[in-house]
Protein backbone atom coordinates (compact mmCIF):
# COMPACT_ATOMS: atom_id res chain seq x y z
CA MET A 1 -14.07 -40.05 52.95
CA SER A 2 -12.49 -41.24 49.73
CA LYS A 3 -12.49 -39.28 46.47
CA LEU A 4 -14.77 -41.94 44.96
CA ARG A 5 -17.42 -41.29 47.59
CA ASN A 6 -17.23 -37.56 46.80
CA ILE A 7 -17.73 -38.27 43.09
CA LEU A 8 -20.74 -40.46 43.82
CA ILE A 9 -22.30 -37.86 46.10
CA GLY A 10 -21.65 -35.06 43.60
CA ALA A 11 -23.20 -37.07 40.77
CA GLY A 12 -26.17 -38.13 42.91
CA VAL A 13 -25.27 -41.81 42.46
CA ALA A 14 -25.64 -44.28 45.31
CA ALA A 15 -23.01 -46.92 45.99
CA VAL A 16 -24.34 -50.36 46.89
CA GLY A 17 -21.59 -51.19 49.38
CA ALA A 18 -18.19 -50.06 50.52
CA ILE A 19 -15.42 -49.27 48.07
CA GLY A 20 -13.37 -52.36 47.18
CA THR A 21 -10.16 -53.08 45.31
CA LYS A 22 -9.29 -55.44 42.50
CA LYS A 23 -6.52 -56.02 39.98
CA ALA A 24 -7.16 -53.52 37.20
CA VAL A 25 -6.95 -56.10 34.42
CA ASP A 26 -9.67 -58.20 36.12
CA TYR A 27 -11.86 -55.17 36.81
CA PHE A 28 -11.89 -54.03 33.20
CA ARG A 29 -12.55 -57.54 31.84
CA ASN A 30 -15.71 -57.85 33.91
CA ARG A 31 -18.82 -56.70 32.03
CA GLY A 32 -21.19 -57.61 34.85
CA LYS A 33 -21.80 -56.31 38.34
CA GLU A 34 -18.81 -56.10 40.64
CA GLU A 35 -18.73 -57.90 43.94
CA VAL A 36 -20.38 -55.82 46.67
CA VAL A 37 -18.01 -55.10 49.53
CA ASP A 38 -19.53 -55.12 53.02
CA GLU A 39 -20.04 -51.59 54.42
CA ALA A 40 -18.72 -52.80 57.78
CA GLU A 41 -15.29 -53.31 56.19
CA GLY A 42 -15.02 -49.63 55.26
CA ASP A 43 -13.64 -48.21 52.04
CA ALA A 44 -10.52 -49.86 50.67
CA GLU A 45 -7.79 -48.07 48.75
CA ALA A 46 -5.65 -49.50 45.98
CA THR A 47 -2.32 -50.55 47.44
CA ALA A 48 -0.49 -51.43 44.22
CA PRO A 49 -0.12 -49.56 40.92
CA ASP A 50 -1.97 -52.33 39.06
CA GLU A 51 -5.08 -52.16 41.28
CA VAL A 52 -8.26 -50.11 41.07
CA ALA A 53 -10.46 -48.96 43.91
CA TYR A 54 -14.06 -49.27 42.77
CA ALA A 55 -17.57 -48.54 43.94
CA THR A 56 -20.37 -50.93 43.07
CA VAL A 57 -23.24 -48.96 41.54
CA GLU A 58 -26.67 -50.13 40.39
CA PRO A 59 -27.34 -49.19 36.74
CA GLU A 60 -30.65 -47.52 37.64
CA SER A 61 -28.92 -45.17 40.09
CA VAL A 62 -27.21 -43.26 37.27
CA GLN A 63 -30.52 -42.36 35.57
CA ASP A 64 -30.87 -39.05 37.42
CA PHE A 65 -27.23 -38.20 36.61
CA LEU A 66 -27.85 -38.87 32.89
CA ASP A 67 -31.09 -36.85 32.89
CA LYS A 68 -29.47 -33.84 34.58
CA SER A 69 -26.18 -34.01 32.65
CA PHE A 70 -27.78 -34.05 29.21
CA GLY A 71 -30.94 -32.05 29.96
CA ASP A 72 -33.19 -34.52 28.20
CA PRO A 73 -34.87 -36.80 30.76
CA GLY A 74 -35.23 -40.38 29.56
CA ARG A 75 -33.03 -39.96 26.49
CA TYR A 76 -30.36 -42.25 27.95
CA THR A 77 -31.24 -45.38 29.92
CA PRO A 78 -28.48 -47.49 31.52
CA THR A 79 -27.95 -50.93 29.97
CA ARG A 80 -24.95 -52.30 31.87
CA SER A 81 -23.40 -51.85 35.30
CA PRO A 82 -21.51 -48.54 35.43
CA LYS A 83 -17.87 -48.48 36.44
CA VAL A 84 -16.89 -45.88 39.04
CA PHE A 85 -13.25 -46.28 39.94
CA GLU A 86 -9.92 -44.79 40.91
CA TYR A 87 -6.77 -45.90 39.10
CA GLN A 88 -3.37 -44.46 39.93
CA ASP A 89 -4.94 -41.48 41.76
CA GLU A 90 -7.31 -40.59 38.91
CA GLN A 91 -11.08 -41.00 39.20
CA TYR A 92 -13.45 -42.07 36.42
CA MET A 93 -17.07 -42.98 35.79
CA VAL A 94 -18.04 -45.05 32.72
CA ILE A 95 -21.70 -45.52 31.81
CA TRP A 96 -23.23 -47.77 29.14
CA ALA A 97 -26.69 -46.63 28.08
CA ARG A 98 -29.27 -46.79 25.34
CA ASP A 99 -29.67 -43.49 23.45
CA ASN A 100 -33.41 -43.62 22.86
CA LYS A 101 -33.35 -40.48 20.68
CA GLN A 102 -30.75 -41.74 18.20
CA ASN A 103 -31.68 -45.44 18.57
CA LYS A 104 -28.18 -46.67 19.43
CA ASN A 105 -26.11 -47.78 22.38
CA GLN A 106 -23.74 -45.31 23.98
CA MET A 107 -20.67 -45.58 26.21
CA LEU A 108 -19.86 -42.38 28.08
CA ALA A 109 -16.68 -41.94 30.13
CA PHE A 110 -15.94 -39.08 32.50
CA LYS A 111 -12.70 -38.16 34.24
CA TYR A 112 -12.87 -36.22 37.47
CA THR A 113 -10.28 -33.55 38.24
CA ASP A 114 -9.99 -30.67 40.68
CA ALA A 115 -11.49 -28.49 37.93
CA GLY A 116 -14.57 -30.73 37.64
CA ARG A 117 -15.92 -33.48 35.41
CA GLU A 118 -14.63 -33.88 31.85
CA MET A 119 -16.09 -36.22 29.23
CA VAL A 120 -13.15 -38.19 27.83
CA ALA A 121 -15.02 -40.73 25.72
CA SER A 122 -18.31 -40.91 23.89
CA VAL A 123 -18.94 -43.93 21.69
CA GLY A 124 -22.23 -44.58 19.92
CA TYR A 125 -22.67 -48.04 18.48
CA THR A 126 -25.06 -50.26 16.59
CA GLY A 127 -24.53 -53.49 14.70
CA ASP A 128 -23.90 -51.41 11.57
CA ASN A 129 -21.77 -48.47 12.70
CA THR A 130 -19.68 -47.16 15.60
CA ASP A 131 -18.97 -43.45 15.98
CA TYR A 132 -16.55 -42.13 18.56
CA ASN A 133 -15.13 -38.97 20.09
CA LEU A 134 -12.20 -39.86 22.36
CA LYS A 135 -9.77 -37.81 24.46
CA LEU A 136 -7.92 -40.55 26.31
CA ASN A 137 -4.39 -39.37 25.44
CA GLY A 138 -2.38 -39.00 28.61
CA THR A 139 -4.50 -41.57 30.44
CA SER A 140 -3.93 -45.29 30.91
CA PHE A 141 -7.08 -46.15 28.94
CA ALA A 142 -8.46 -46.94 25.51
CA VAL A 143 -11.80 -47.98 24.08
CA ASP A 144 -11.96 -51.49 22.62
CA VAL A 145 -14.12 -51.78 19.51
CA ASN A 146 -14.04 -55.18 17.81
CA GLY A 147 -10.61 -55.95 19.26
CA GLU A 148 -9.10 -52.61 18.17
CA GLN A 149 -8.00 -50.15 20.83
CA ILE A 150 -8.74 -46.50 20.06
CA VAL A 151 -7.33 -43.72 22.27
CA SER A 152 -8.14 -40.40 20.63
CA GLY A 153 -9.88 -38.64 17.79
CA GLN A 154 -13.28 -38.53 16.17
CA GLY A 155 -14.44 -40.97 13.57
CA ASN A 156 -16.43 -44.01 12.55
CA THR A 157 -15.63 -47.68 12.34
CA GLY A 158 -17.51 -50.95 11.85
CA GLY A 159 -20.57 -51.84 13.83
CA THR A 160 -20.43 -53.77 17.09
CA ASP A 161 -22.65 -55.16 19.81
CA GLU A 162 -20.29 -54.25 22.67
CA VAL A 163 -17.75 -51.54 23.48
CA ASP A 164 -15.35 -51.78 26.41
CA PHE A 165 -13.30 -49.28 28.40
CA VAL A 166 -9.92 -50.99 28.87
CA LEU A 167 -6.33 -50.48 29.95
CA ALA A 168 -4.36 -49.36 26.90
CA ALA A 169 -1.97 -51.96 25.54
């Protein structure tokens, strides 16, 4: 069983199909649902350094994870297809949700290690303001806000309608 399957099971999230692979740059550009890989094909593993292995996950299936992780059922509701992936032997889960308590959108990114799950990015955003708390130093990733890539720190920047988790330039 792949590490991604273990992450999904541990988080209580159900994969829609088998684990597939894709060029990393294409995977991170896609804001929609990933292609479902047939279970009969089995789980694929990335075979090149520029590929990700990914699991296709329905947005609704992360609701229980959000409720249990933050101890406030219904506070966060998924708004976009989550990304659960492995890149260069590191596993991540990125969730886009509506924070119903603070009336803003939220992107939450978790890195999985042998020691457990670590939140590496939290970005709250509205059309007026974007606040962030990022710990992506030492990873291959950044958060794209209005075309600017941010890797670490806490702060605020201009408002936006969309935040992406991307390969750092």
